[in-house]
C-alpha atoms as a PDB file:
ATOM      1  CA  MET A   1      12.922 -13.362 -27.336  1.00  0.00           C
ATOM      2  CA  THR A   2      14.511 -16.181 -29.125  1.00  0.00           C
ATOM      3  CA  THR A   3      14.114 -19.850 -28.590  1.00  0.00           C
ATOM      4  CA  THR A   4      17.195 -21.640 -27.133  1.00  0.00           C
ATOM      5  CA  VAL A   5      18.416 -25.133 -26.195  1.00  0.00           C
ATOM      6  CA  PRO A   6      17.723 -25.936 -22.566  1.00  0.00           C
ATOM      7  CA  THR A   7      20.419 -25.404 -20.091  1.00  0.00           C
ATOM      8  CA  ALA A   8      20.967 -26.635 -16.591  1.00  0.00           C
ATOM      9  CA  ASP A   9      19.719 -23.318 -15.155  1.00  0.00           C
ATOM     10  CA  THR A  10      16.440 -23.411 -17.188  1.00  0.00           C
ATOM     11  CA  ALA A  11      15.926 -27.096 -16.498  1.00  0.00           C
ATOM     12  CA  LEU A  12      16.238 -26.420 -12.788  1.00  0.00           C
ATOM     13  CA  ALA A  13      13.809 -23.510 -13.101  1.00  0.00           C
ATOM     14  CA  LYS A  14      11.316 -25.677 -14.897  1.00  0.00           C
ATOM     15  CA  ALA A  15      11.660 -28.448 -12.335  1.00  0.00           C
ATOM     16  CA  ARG A  16      11.302 -25.891  -9.499  1.00  0.00           C
ATOM     17  CA  LEU A  17       8.254 -24.297 -11.167  1.00  0.00           C
ATOM     18  CA  ILE A  18       6.471 -27.688 -11.568  1.00  0.00           C
ATOM     19  CA  ARG A  19       7.173 -28.521  -7.896  1.00  0.00           C
ATOM     20  CA  ASP A  20       5.907 -25.201  -6.696  1.00  0.00           C
ATOM     21  CA  TRP A  21       2.836 -25.370  -8.873  1.00  0.00           C
ATOM     22  CA  GLU A  22       1.830 -28.717  -7.509  1.00  0.00           C
ATOM     23  CA  GLU A  23       2.583 -27.741  -3.836  1.00  0.00           C
ATOM     24  CA  SER A  24       0.724 -24.466  -4.075  1.00  0.00           C
ATOM     25  CA  GLY A  25      -2.759 -26.156  -4.350  1.00  0.00           C
ATOM     26  CA  ALA A  26      -3.457 -24.007  -7.443  1.00  0.00           C
ATOM     27  CA  GLY A  27      -2.538 -26.993  -9.652  1.00  0.00           C
ATOM     28  CA  ARG A  28      -5.291 -29.335  -8.503  1.00  0.00           C
ATOM     29  CA  HIS A  29      -7.592 -28.403 -11.332  1.00  0.00           C
ATOM     30  CA  ALA A  30      -5.037 -26.891 -13.823  1.00  0.00           C
ATOM     31  CA  THR A  31      -1.971 -27.912 -15.636  1.00  0.00           C
ATOM     32  CA  LEU A  32       1.063 -26.104 -17.044  1.00  0.00           C
ATOM     33  CA  VAL A  33       1.297 -26.674 -20.823  1.00  0.00           C
ATOM     34  CA  ALA A  34       3.105 -25.248 -23.870  1.00  0.00           C
ATOM     35  CA  TRP A  35       6.495 -24.942 -22.262  1.00  0.00           C
ATOM     36  CA  VAL A  36       8.780 -22.575 -24.091  1.00  0.00           C
ATOM     37  CA  GLN A  37      12.408 -21.795 -23.388  1.00  0.00           C
ATOM     38  CA  SER A  38      13.769 -18.573 -24.783  1.00  0.00           C
ATOM     39  CA  THR A  39      16.136 -15.638 -24.122  1.00  0.00           C
ATOM     40  CA  THR A  40      15.082 -12.175 -23.147  1.00  0.00           C
ATOM     41  CA  PRO A  41      16.543  -9.224 -25.357  1.00  0.00           C
ATOM     42  CA  ASP A  42      19.237  -8.678 -22.702  1.00  0.00           C
ATOM     43  CA  GLY A  43      20.474 -12.319 -22.853  1.00  0.00           C
ATOM     44  CA  VAL A  44      18.834 -13.801 -19.704  1.00  0.00           C
ATOM     45  CA  PRO A  45      17.305 -17.211 -20.129  1.00  0.00           C
ATOM     46  CA  MET A  46      13.509 -17.451 -19.645  1.00  0.00           C
ATOM     47  CA  MET A  47      11.033 -20.417 -19.138  1.00  0.00           C
ATOM     48  CA  SER A  48       7.453 -19.898 -19.932  1.00  0.00           C
ATOM     49  CA  ALA A  49       4.334 -22.086 -19.487  1.00  0.00           C
ATOM     50  CA  ARG A  50       0.725 -21.470 -20.316  1.00  0.00           C
ATOM     51  CA  LEU A  51      -1.844 -22.246 -17.672  1.00  0.00           C
ATOM     52  CA  ASP A  52      -4.573 -24.650 -18.919  1.00  0.00           C
ATOM     53  CA  VAL A  53      -7.719 -24.076 -16.792  1.00  0.00           C
ATOM     54  CA  LEU A  54     -11.055 -22.377 -17.017  1.00  0.00           C
ATOM     55  CA  PRO A  55     -11.567 -19.786 -15.505  1.00  0.00           C
ATOM     56  CA  PRO A  56      -7.732 -19.211 -15.217  1.00  0.00           C
ATOM     57  CA  ALA A  57      -7.637 -15.905 -13.170  1.00  0.00           C
ATOM     58  CA  GLY A  58      -8.350 -17.504  -9.830  1.00  0.00           C
ATOM     59  CA  ALA A  59      -5.753 -20.235 -10.118  1.00  0.00           C
ATOM     60  CA  LEU A  60      -3.098 -17.746 -11.335  1.00  0.00           C
ATOM     61  CA  ALA A  61      -3.792 -15.276  -8.404  1.00  0.00           C
ATOM     62  CA  VAL A  62      -3.598 -18.116  -5.848  1.00  0.00           C
ATOM     63  CA  PHE A  63      -0.318 -19.320  -7.254  1.00  0.00           C
ATOM     64  CA  ALA A  64       1.162 -15.844  -7.541  1.00  0.00           C
ATOM     65  CA  ALA A  65       0.444 -15.126  -3.886  1.00  0.00           C
ATOM     66  CA  ARG A  66       1.964 -18.387  -2.747  1.00  0.00           C
ATOM     67  CA  GLN A  67       4.964 -18.221  -5.143  1.00  0.00           C
ATOM     68  CA  GLU A  68       5.898 -14.836  -3.810  1.00  0.00           C
ATOM     69  CA  VAL A  69       6.456 -16.358  -0.357  1.00  0.00           C
ATOM     70  CA  ALA A  70       8.265 -19.386  -1.793  1.00  0.00           C
ATOM     71  CA  VAL A  71      10.675 -17.152  -3.811  1.00  0.00           C
ATOM     72  CA  ALA A  72      11.185 -14.714  -0.979  1.00  0.00           C
ATOM     73  CA  LEU A  73      12.274 -17.539   1.385  1.00  0.00           C
ATOM     74  CA  ARG A  74      14.682 -19.011  -1.303  1.00  0.00           C
ATOM     75  CA  SER A  75      15.805 -15.664  -2.721  1.00  0.00           C
ATOM     76  CA  GLY A  76      19.371 -14.970  -3.685  1.00  0.00           C
ATOM     77  CA  ALA A  77      21.272 -12.211  -5.287  1.00  0.00           C
ATOM     78  CA  GLY A  78      19.439 -10.764  -8.263  1.00  0.00           C
ATOM     79  CA  ASP A  79      16.102 -12.622  -7.600  1.00  0.00           C
ATOM     80  CA  VAL A  80      12.922 -10.729  -8.424  1.00  0.00           C
ATOM     81  CA  LEU A  81       9.627 -11.589  -6.523  1.00  0.00           C
ATOM     82  CA  PRO A  82       6.645 -12.734  -8.577  1.00  0.00           C
ATOM     83  CA  ALA A  83       4.321 -10.105  -9.961  1.00  0.00           C
ATOM     84  CA  LEU A  84       1.366 -10.115 -12.266  1.00  0.00           C
ATOM     85  CA  ASP A  85       2.168  -8.870 -15.815  1.00  0.00           C
ATOM     86  CA  TYR A  86      -0.200  -7.290 -18.140  1.00  0.00           C
ATOM     87  CA  SER A  87       2.370  -5.946 -20.683  1.00  0.00           C
ATOM     88  CA  VAL A  88       1.612  -8.546 -23.451  1.00  0.00           C
ATOM     89  CA  PRO A  89      -1.805  -7.783 -25.072  1.00  0.00           C
ATOM     90  CA  GLY A  90      -4.342 -10.552 -24.667  1.00  0.00           C
ATOM     91  CA  ARG A  91      -2.694 -12.402 -21.794  1.00  0.00           C
ATOM     92  CA  ILE A  92      -2.038 -12.131 -18.084  1.00  0.00           C
ATOM     93  CA  GLY A  93       1.116 -13.601 -16.627  1.00  0.00           C
ATOM     94  CA  CYS A  94       2.940 -14.128 -13.407  1.00  0.00           C
ATOM     95  CA  VAL A  95       6.621 -13.326 -13.893  1.00  0.00           C
ATOM     96  CA  TRP A  96       9.680 -13.576 -11.544  1.00  0.00           C
ATOM     97  CA  ARG A  97      13.438 -14.179 -11.720  1.00  0.00           C
ATOM     98  CA  GLU A  98      15.114 -16.838  -9.690  1.00  0.00           C
ATOM     99  CA  GLY A  99      18.498 -18.311 -10.013  1.00  0.00           C
ATOM    100  CA  GLY A 100      19.326 -16.112 -12.983  1.00  0.00           C
ATOM    101  CA  VAL A 101      16.318 -17.385 -15.023  1.00  0.00           C
ATOM    102  CA  TRP A 102      13.177 -15.481 -15.753  1.00  0.00           C
ATOM    103  CA  VAL A 103      10.037 -17.677 -15.138  1.00  0.00           C
ATOM    104  CA  GLU A 104       6.572 -16.937 -16.496  1.00  0.00           C
ATOM    105  CA  VAL A 105       3.232 -18.690 -16.092  1.00  0.00           C
ATOM    106  CA  TRP A 106       0.507 -16.993 -18.235  1.00  0.00           C
ATOM    107  CA  HIS A 107      -3.009 -17.569 -19.538  1.00  0.00           C
ATOM    108  CA  PRO A 108      -4.990 -15.836 -22.294  1.00  0.00           C
ATOM    109  CA  ASN A 109      -6.950 -12.877 -21.107  1.00  0.00           C
ATOM    110  CA  THR A 110     -10.411 -13.802 -22.403  1.00  0.00           C
ATOM    111  CA  PRO A 111     -13.162 -11.559 -21.332  1.00  0.00           C
ATOM    112  CA  GLU A 112     -15.955 -13.321 -19.412  1.00  0.00           C
ATOM    113  CA  ALA A 113     -19.258 -13.437 -21.018  1.00  0.00           C
ATOM    114  CA  PRO A 114     -21.701 -10.944 -19.837  1.00  0.00           C
ATOM    115  CA  ALA A 115     -24.496 -12.161 -17.513  1.00  0.00           C
ATOM    116  CA  PRO A 116     -27.804 -12.506 -19.200  1.00  0.00           C
ATOM    117  CA  ARG A 117     -30.125  -9.497 -18.733  1.00  0.00           C
ATOM    118  CA  PRO A 118     -33.551 -10.185 -17.465  1.00  0.00           C
ATOM    119  CA  GLY A 119     -36.192  -9.773 -20.119  1.00  0.00           C
ATOM    120  CA  PRO A 120     -39.600  -8.143 -19.839  1.00  0.00           C
ATOM    121  CA  PRO A 121     -42.021  -9.674 -17.399  1.00  0.00           C
ATOM    122  CA  VAL A 122     -44.083 -12.605 -18.758  1.00  0.00           C
ATOM    123  CA  ALA A 123     -47.777 -11.995 -18.828  1.00  0.00           C
ATOM    124  CA  VAL A 124     -49.724 -14.229 -16.387  1.00  0.00           C
ATOM    125  CA  THR A 125     -52.640 -15.972 -18.205  1.00  0.00           C
ATOM    126  CA  ALA A 126     -54.181 -17.686 -15.215  1.00  0.00           C
ATOM    127  CA  PRO A 127     -56.475 -15.393 -12.955  1.00  0.00           C
ATOM    128  CA  PRO A 128     -55.000 -14.687  -9.613  1.00  0.00           C
ATOM    129  CA  ARG A 129     -55.902 -16.771  -6.785  1.00  0.00           C
ATOM    130  CA  PRO A 130     -57.845 -15.151  -3.925  1.00  0.00           C
ATOM    131  CA  VAL A 131     -55.984 -14.588  -0.764  1.00  0.00           C
ATOM    132  CA  PRO A 132     -57.802 -16.020   2.339  1.00  0.00           C
ATOM    133  CA  ALA A 133     -58.612 -13.610   5.070  1.00  0.00           C
ATOM    134  CA  PRO A 134     -56.655 -14.063   8.298  1.00  0.00           C
ATOM    135  CA  PRO A 135     -58.358 -15.966  11.137  1.00  0.00           C
ATOM    136  CA  PRO A 136     -60.095 -13.852  13.660  1.00  0.00           C
ATOM    137  CA  ARG A 137     -57.953 -12.649  16.562  1.00  0.00           C
ATOM    138  CA  PRO A 138     -58.953 -13.679  20.142  1.00  0.00           C
ATOM    139  CA  PRO A 139     -60.006 -10.946  22.461  1.00  0.00           C
ATOM    140  CA  ALA A 140     -57.324  -9.344  24.502  1.00  0.00           C
ATOM    141  CA  VAL A 141     -56.666 -11.083  27.843  1.00  0.00           C
ATOM    142  CA  THR A 142     -57.511  -8.922  30.895  1.00  0.00           C
ATOM    143  CA  PRO A 143     -57.435  -9.847  34.661  1.00  0.00           C
ATOM    144  CA  SER A 144     -60.840 -11.097  36.068  1.00  0.00           C
ATOM    145  CA  ALA A 145     -60.363  -8.979  39.307  1.00  0.00           C
ATOM    146  CA  PRO A 146     -58.392  -6.017  40.248  1.00  0.00           C
ATOM    147  CA  LEU A 147     -54.902  -6.586  41.638  1.00  0.00           C
ATOM    148  CA  PRO A 148     -54.721  -6.420  45.502  1.00  0.00           C
ATOM    149  CA  ARG A 149     -53.680  -2.970  46.972  1.00  0.00           C
ATOM    150  CA  ARG A 150     -50.883  -2.835  49.451  1.00  0.00           C
ATOM    151  CA  THR A 151     -51.980  -0.005  51.626  1.00  0.00           C
ATOM    152  CA  ALA A 152     -50.442  -1.349  54.870  1.00  0.00           C
ATOM    153  CA  ASN A 153     -46.892  -0.306  53.931  1.00  0.00           C
ATOM    154  CA  ARG A 154     -47.862   2.955  52.295  1.00  0.00           C
ATOM    155  CA  ASN A 155     -49.747   4.455  55.418  1.00  0.00           C
ATOM    156  CA  ARG A 156     -47.827   3.018  58.186  1.00  0.00           C
ATOM    157  CA  ASN A 157     -46.472   5.583  60.614  1.00  0.00           C
ATOM    158  CA  THR A 158     -42.926   5.356  61.700  1.00  0.00           C
ATOM    159  CA  THR A 159     -41.590   5.937  65.245  1.00  0.00           C
ATOM    160  CA  GLU A 160     -39.888   9.147  64.024  1.00  0.00           C
ATOM    161  CA  GLU A 161     -43.181  10.802  63.001  1.00  0.00           C
ATOM    162  CA  ASN A 162     -44.876  10.007  66.279  1.00  0.00           C
END
């Protein structure tokens, strides 16, 4: 890629990108910096901006998902929908082509620090406290008298049996 003088197409692409970035909600805690205008090896103009946020992966993924819908709604002949790009070592980008200009938002691919591993258990110097015994349980509740029996219905003769 070679650096070139801004053209009307690239200026429009930059303005559209800034607007889309702010409207996507991803830009609340991040900014686009280090703008570079260049030309791809096949002569197509390109605008590139670095994402300035920590951690950047979440903001770029949110933006890429929303930008895909925005570009699809505005798409014209030769437009390419946004996709995440891992082709450049050490960075992750979201790249698309709109209005004859390649647009790229990227951030350095910095590995996350590993979570600290738990160390060996620390020896307890104080003696363990005794556990109190549970309170005694009350005796089970039983009825004071037997339930009444209902023999009247059980032994009654019906007219059919007589």
